[in-house]
C-alpha atoms as a PDB file:
ATOM      1  CA  MET A   1       1.528 -49.707 -44.710  1.00  0.00           C
ATOM      2  CA  LYS A   2       4.208 -52.370 -45.534  1.00  0.00           C
ATOM      3  CA  LEU A   3       6.474 -54.751 -43.830  1.00  0.00           C
ATOM      4  CA  GLY A   4       9.319 -52.988 -42.005  1.00  0.00           C
ATOM      5  CA  ASP A   5       7.326 -49.755 -41.311  1.00  0.00           C
ATOM      6  CA  MET A   6       7.447 -48.286 -37.963  1.00  0.00           C
ATOM      7  CA  VAL A   7       3.944 -47.914 -36.496  1.00  0.00           C
ATOM      8  CA  SER A   8       2.327 -46.578 -33.327  1.00  0.00           C
ATOM      9  CA  VAL A   9      -0.987 -47.500 -31.717  1.00  0.00           C
ATOM     10  CA  ILE A  10      -3.401 -44.520 -31.658  1.00  0.00           C
ATOM     11  CA  ASP A  11      -4.922 -44.967 -28.147  1.00  0.00           C
ATOM     12  CA  GLU A  12      -1.875 -46.505 -26.459  1.00  0.00           C
ATOM     13  CA  ASP A  13       1.835 -45.691 -25.821  1.00  0.00           C
ATOM     14  CA  LEU A  14       2.947 -48.581 -27.932  1.00  0.00           C
ATOM     15  CA  GLU A  15       5.006 -48.807 -31.136  1.00  0.00           C
ATOM     16  CA  GLY A  16       7.005 -51.332 -33.084  1.00  0.00           C
ATOM     17  CA  ILE A  17       7.995 -52.576 -36.572  1.00  0.00           C
ATOM     18  CA  VAL A  18       5.441 -54.328 -38.800  1.00  0.00           C
ATOM     19  CA  THR A  19       6.230 -58.011 -39.189  1.00  0.00           C
ATOM     20  CA  SER A  20       3.155 -59.241 -41.108  1.00  0.00           C
ATOM     21  CA  ILE A  21      -0.217 -57.929 -42.465  1.00  0.00           C
ATOM     22  CA  ILE A  22      -3.265 -60.451 -42.938  1.00  0.00           C
ATOM     23  CA  ASP A  23      -6.192 -58.765 -44.328  1.00  0.00           C
ATOM     24  CA  ASP A  24      -7.033 -55.937 -42.086  1.00  0.00           C
ATOM     25  CA  ILE A  25      -5.005 -57.186 -39.141  1.00  0.00           C
ATOM     26  CA  VAL A  26      -1.392 -55.854 -38.635  1.00  0.00           C
ATOM     27  CA  PHE A  27       1.184 -57.690 -36.563  1.00  0.00           C
ATOM     28  CA  PHE A  28       4.070 -55.732 -35.210  1.00  0.00           C
ATOM     29  CA  GLN A  29       6.898 -56.303 -32.773  1.00  0.00           C
ATOM     30  CA  ASP A  30       7.736 -53.877 -30.016  1.00  0.00           C
ATOM     31  CA  THR A  31      11.269 -52.993 -28.818  1.00  0.00           C
ATOM     32  CA  PHE A  32      11.025 -55.789 -26.113  1.00  0.00           C
ATOM     33  CA  GLY A  33      10.250 -58.400 -28.736  1.00  0.00           C
ATOM     34  CA  PHE A  34       6.659 -58.878 -28.008  1.00  0.00           C
ATOM     35  CA  VAL A  35       4.188 -59.272 -30.956  1.00  0.00           C
ATOM     36  CA  HIS A  36       1.032 -57.277 -30.989  1.00  0.00           C
ATOM     37  CA  ARG A  37      -2.013 -57.510 -33.130  1.00  0.00           C
ATOM     38  CA  TYR A  38      -4.175 -54.431 -34.163  1.00  0.00           C
ATOM     39  CA  THR A  39      -6.484 -53.548 -36.982  1.00  0.00           C
ATOM     40  CA  GLN A  40      -5.196 -50.941 -39.540  1.00  0.00           C
ATOM     41  CA  LYS A  41      -7.716 -48.307 -38.171  1.00  0.00           C
ATOM     42  CA  GLU A  42      -6.016 -48.618 -34.730  1.00  0.00           C
ATOM     43  CA  ILE A  43      -2.499 -47.906 -35.872  1.00  0.00           C
ATOM     44  CA  VAL A  44      -0.644 -45.171 -37.746  1.00  0.00           C
ATOM     45  CA  VAL A  45       2.692 -45.170 -39.717  1.00  0.00           C
ATOM     46  CA  LYS A  46       5.478 -43.233 -38.059  1.00  0.00           C
ATOM     47  CA  ASP A  47       7.195 -41.331 -40.848  1.00  0.00           C
ATOM     48  CA  LYS A  48       9.952 -39.107 -39.729  1.00  0.00           C
ATOM     49  CA  SER A  49      10.180 -37.350 -43.066  1.00  0.00           C
ATOM     50  CA  LEU A  50       6.849 -35.682 -42.387  1.00  0.00           C
ATOM     51  CA  TYR A  51       8.498 -33.730 -39.642  1.00  0.00           C
ATOM     52  CA  HIS A  52      11.575 -32.721 -41.546  1.00  0.00           C
ATOM     53  CA  ARG A  53       9.570 -30.663 -43.915  1.00  0.00           C
ATOM     54  CA  MET A  54       7.991 -28.606 -41.126  1.00  0.00           C
ATOM     55  CA  LYS A  55       9.592 -25.435 -39.899  1.00  0.00           C
ATOM     56  CA  MET A  56       9.788 -24.955 -36.283  1.00  0.00           C
ATOM     57  CA  GLU A  57       9.070 -21.463 -34.852  1.00  0.00           C
ATOM     58  CA  ILE A  58      10.684 -20.630 -31.568  1.00  0.00           C
ATOM     59  CA  LYS A  59       8.683 -17.992 -29.682  1.00  0.00           C
ATOM     60  CA  THR A  60      10.102 -15.915 -26.836  1.00  0.00           C
ATOM     61  CA  GLU A  61       8.275 -15.710 -23.644  1.00  0.00           C
ATOM     62  CA  SER A  62       6.732 -12.235 -22.761  1.00  0.00           C
ATOM     63  CA  THR A  63       8.466 -10.501 -19.942  1.00  0.00           C
ATOM     64  CA  LYS A  64       5.253  -8.470 -19.391  1.00  0.00           C
ATOM     65  CA  LYS A  65       3.432  -9.619 -16.196  1.00  0.00           C
ATOM     66  CA  ASN A  66      -0.184 -10.564 -17.244  1.00  0.00           C
ATOM     67  CA  ASN A  67      -2.397  -9.324 -14.513  1.00  0.00           C
ATOM     68  CA  SER A  68      -6.086  -9.894 -15.000  1.00  0.00           C
ATOM     69  CA  LYS A  69      -8.390  -6.874 -15.462  1.00  0.00           C
ATOM     70  CA  LYS A  70     -10.185  -7.699 -12.394  1.00  0.00           C
ATOM     71  CA  HIS A  71      -6.967  -7.317 -10.186  1.00  0.00           C
ATOM     72  CA  ALA A  72      -5.538  -4.437 -12.134  1.00  0.00           C
ATOM     73  CA  LYS A  73      -8.299  -2.070 -11.006  1.00  0.00           C
ATOM     74  CA  LYS A  74      -7.402   0.664  -8.512  1.00  0.00           C
ATOM     75  CA  HIS A  75      -8.971   0.574  -5.234  1.00  0.00           C
ATOM     76  CA  LEU A  76     -12.207   2.610  -4.484  1.00  0.00           C
ATOM     77  CA  VAL A  77     -11.865   5.889  -2.770  1.00  0.00           C
ATOM     78  CA  LEU A  78     -14.677   7.261  -0.424  1.00  0.00           C
ATOM     79  CA  ASP A  79     -14.135  10.993   0.363  1.00  0.00           C
ATOM     80  CA  LEU A  80     -16.279  11.875   3.463  1.00  0.00           C
ATOM     81  CA  HIS A  81     -15.650  15.557   3.361  1.00  0.00           C
ATOM     82  CA  PHE A  82     -19.189  16.840   3.502  1.00  0.00           C
ATOM     83  CA  ASP A  83     -18.820  19.417   0.746  1.00  0.00           C
ATOM     84  CA  LYS A  84     -18.149  16.402  -1.598  1.00  0.00           C
ATOM     85  CA  LEU A  85     -21.305  14.722  -0.510  1.00  0.00           C
ATOM     86  CA  VAL A  86     -24.009  17.312  -0.912  1.00  0.00           C
ATOM     87  CA  ASP A  87     -24.576  20.422  -2.918  1.00  0.00           C
ATOM     88  CA  ASN A  88     -25.344  22.972  -0.197  1.00  0.00           C
ATOM     89  CA  PRO A  89     -23.263  21.962   2.957  1.00  0.00           C
ATOM     90  CA  ASN A  90     -24.242  25.079   4.852  1.00  0.00           C
ATOM     91  CA  GLU A  91     -27.883  24.030   5.130  1.00  0.00           C
ATOM     92  CA  TYR A  92     -27.230  21.033   7.316  1.00  0.00           C
ATOM     93  CA  SER A  93     -26.710  20.852  11.170  1.00  0.00           C
ATOM     94  CA  GLY A  94     -23.849  18.956  12.638  1.00  0.00           C
ATOM     95  CA  PHE A  95     -25.996  16.028  13.516  1.00  0.00           C
ATOM     96  CA  GLU A  96     -27.376  15.736   9.956  1.00  0.00           C
ATOM     97  CA  ARG A  97     -23.903  15.996   8.505  1.00  0.00           C
ATOM     98  CA  LEU A  98     -22.588  13.173  10.600  1.00  0.00           C
ATOM     99  CA  PHE A  99     -25.711  11.065   9.844  1.00  0.00           C
ATOM    100  CA  ILE A 100     -25.326  11.636   6.045  1.00  0.00           C
ATOM    101  CA  GLN A 101     -21.580  10.695   6.291  1.00  0.00           C
ATOM    102  CA  LYS A 102     -22.399   7.592   8.230  1.00  0.00           C
ATOM    103  CA  LYS A 103     -25.029   6.457   5.701  1.00  0.00           C
ATOM    104  CA  LYS A 104     -22.669   7.061   2.798  1.00  0.00           C
ATOM    105  CA  LEU A 105     -19.900   4.947   4.613  1.00  0.00           C
ATOM    106  CA  LEU A 106     -22.359   2.046   5.215  1.00  0.00           C
ATOM    107  CA  ASP A 107     -23.695   2.228   1.732  1.00  0.00           C
ATOM    108  CA  THR A 108     -20.174   2.238   0.319  1.00  0.00           C
ATOM    109  CA  LEU A 109     -19.255  -0.903   2.358  1.00  0.00           C
ATOM    110  CA  ASP A 110     -22.289  -2.697   1.078  1.00  0.00           C
ATOM    111  CA  PHE A 111     -21.498  -1.732  -2.543  1.00  0.00           C
ATOM    112  CA  CYS A 112     -17.965  -3.055  -2.018  1.00  0.00           C
ATOM    113  CA  ARG A 113     -19.370  -6.441  -0.708  1.00  0.00           C
ATOM    114  CA  GLU A 114     -21.849  -6.725  -3.530  1.00  0.00           C
ATOM    115  CA  ASN A 115     -19.321  -6.026  -6.221  1.00  0.00           C
ATOM    116  CA  ASN A 116     -16.365  -8.087  -4.616  1.00  0.00           C
ATOM    117  CA  LEU A 117     -14.192  -4.920  -4.181  1.00  0.00           C
ATOM    118  CA  LYS A 118     -11.335  -5.804  -1.878  1.00  0.00           C
ATOM    119  CA  ILE A 119      -9.862  -2.519  -1.002  1.00  0.00           C
ATOM    120  CA  LEU A 120     -11.606   0.719   0.122  1.00  0.00           C
ATOM    121  CA  GLU A 121      -9.751   3.868   0.961  1.00  0.00           C
ATOM    122  CA  ILE A 122     -11.856   6.167   3.247  1.00  0.00           C
ATOM    123  CA  VAL A 123     -10.764   9.757   3.477  1.00  0.00           C
ATOM    124  CA  HIS A 124     -12.233  11.377   6.662  1.00  0.00           C
ATOM    125  CA  GLY A 125      -9.916  14.266   6.909  1.00  0.00           C
ATOM    126  CA  ILE A 126      -8.033  15.458  10.044  1.00  0.00           C
ATOM    127  CA  GLY A 127     -10.346  17.949  11.743  1.00  0.00           C
ATOM    128  CA  ASP A 128     -11.338  17.592  15.437  1.00  0.00           C
ATOM    129  CA  GLY A 129     -11.685  13.784  14.996  1.00  0.00           C
ATOM    130  CA  THR A 130     -15.481  13.418  15.164  1.00  0.00           C
ATOM    131  CA  VAL A 131     -15.791  11.776  11.655  1.00  0.00           C
ATOM    132  CA  GLN A 132     -12.666   9.775  12.253  1.00  0.00           C
ATOM    133  CA  LYS A 133     -14.119   8.311  15.526  1.00  0.00           C
ATOM    134  CA  MET A 134     -17.410   7.562  13.670  1.00  0.00           C
ATOM    135  CA  VAL A 135     -15.482   5.787  10.998  1.00  0.00           C
ATOM    136  CA  ASN A 136     -13.474   3.793  13.374  1.00  0.00           C
ATOM    137  CA  GLN A 137     -16.610   2.815  15.347  1.00  0.00           C
ATOM    138  CA  ILE A 138     -18.438   1.595  12.209  1.00  0.00           C
ATOM    139  CA  LEU A 139     -15.469  -0.313  10.985  1.00  0.00           C
ATOM    140  CA  ASN A 140     -15.085  -2.028  14.383  1.00  0.00           C
ATOM    141  CA  GLU A 141     -18.579  -3.216  14.297  1.00  0.00           C
ATOM    142  CA  GLN A 142     -18.270  -4.646  10.763  1.00  0.00           C
ATOM    143  CA  MET A 143     -17.431  -8.276   9.980  1.00  0.00           C
ATOM    144  CA  ASN A 144     -14.924  -9.756   7.437  1.00  0.00           C
ATOM    145  CA  LEU A 145     -12.788  -6.737   7.003  1.00  0.00           C
ATOM    146  CA  GLU A 146      -9.455  -5.406   8.339  1.00  0.00           C
ATOM    147  CA  PHE A 147      -8.366  -1.806   8.442  1.00  0.00           C
ATOM    148  CA  HIS A 148      -5.659   0.351   9.422  1.00  0.00           C
ATOM    149  CA  ASN A 149      -4.616   4.038   9.122  1.00  0.00           C
ATOM    150  CA  THR A 150      -2.022   4.877   6.395  1.00  0.00           C
ATOM    151  CA  GLU A 151       0.093   6.692   8.842  1.00  0.00           C
ATOM    152  CA  ILE A 152       1.704   5.581  12.260  1.00  0.00           C
ATOM    153  CA  LEU A 153       0.144   8.382  14.104  1.00  0.00           C
ATOM    154  CA  HIS A 154      -3.575   8.007  13.339  1.00  0.00           C
ATOM    155  CA  HIS A 155      -4.551  11.618  14.448  1.00  0.00           C
ATOM    156  CA  GLN A 156      -2.181  12.929  11.822  1.00  0.00           C
ATOM    157  CA  SER A 157      -3.674  10.860   9.010  1.00  0.00           C
ATOM    158  CA  GLY A 158      -6.767  11.849   7.048  1.00  0.00           C
ATOM    159  CA  ASN A 159      -7.541   8.405   5.685  1.00  0.00           C
ATOM    160  CA  ILE A 160      -7.993   4.671   6.476  1.00  0.00           C
ATOM    161  CA  MET A 161      -7.359   1.744   4.195  1.00  0.00           C
ATOM    162  CA  VAL A 162     -10.041  -1.061   4.521  1.00  0.00           C
ATOM    163  CA  TYR A 163      -9.372  -4.620   3.262  1.00  0.00           C
ATOM    164  CA  LEU A 164     -12.580  -6.596   2.797  1.00  0.00           C
ATOM    165  CA  LEU A 165     -11.979 -10.421   3.271  1.00  0.00           C
END
């Protein structure tokens, strides 16, 4: 460091030109004419030639939308068709079938809540509407969720989308 060097203070937004050096103390004058005093450990020389030797690399921004893995997942689908829930569907009575379907629906809703899944699609089928009524009744009793049929005419739709809040 010598007289006339441009210096900058390390921990402050302050720079100036060295006017005198006495032992370890450096005096410099800022652009407003004020004289400041710092030790040599507190300032650095601003050498513009250091930056002329460095090559600048210009990077282009990615056009790909970065979605997190958590939000890139597809929603969970629960198919309540009885032949998909058990191995021998003919061995069960109508009441047992409805009870198993109801238990599966409640277990799946609990699973979604425990694992922070936000969207569940319930496939209940069209049929005579018994399973659809049971699904609607259970969803109406639940807290912190919204649901709607995927079709305008809910009797013609075989599924319901559920959004857990």
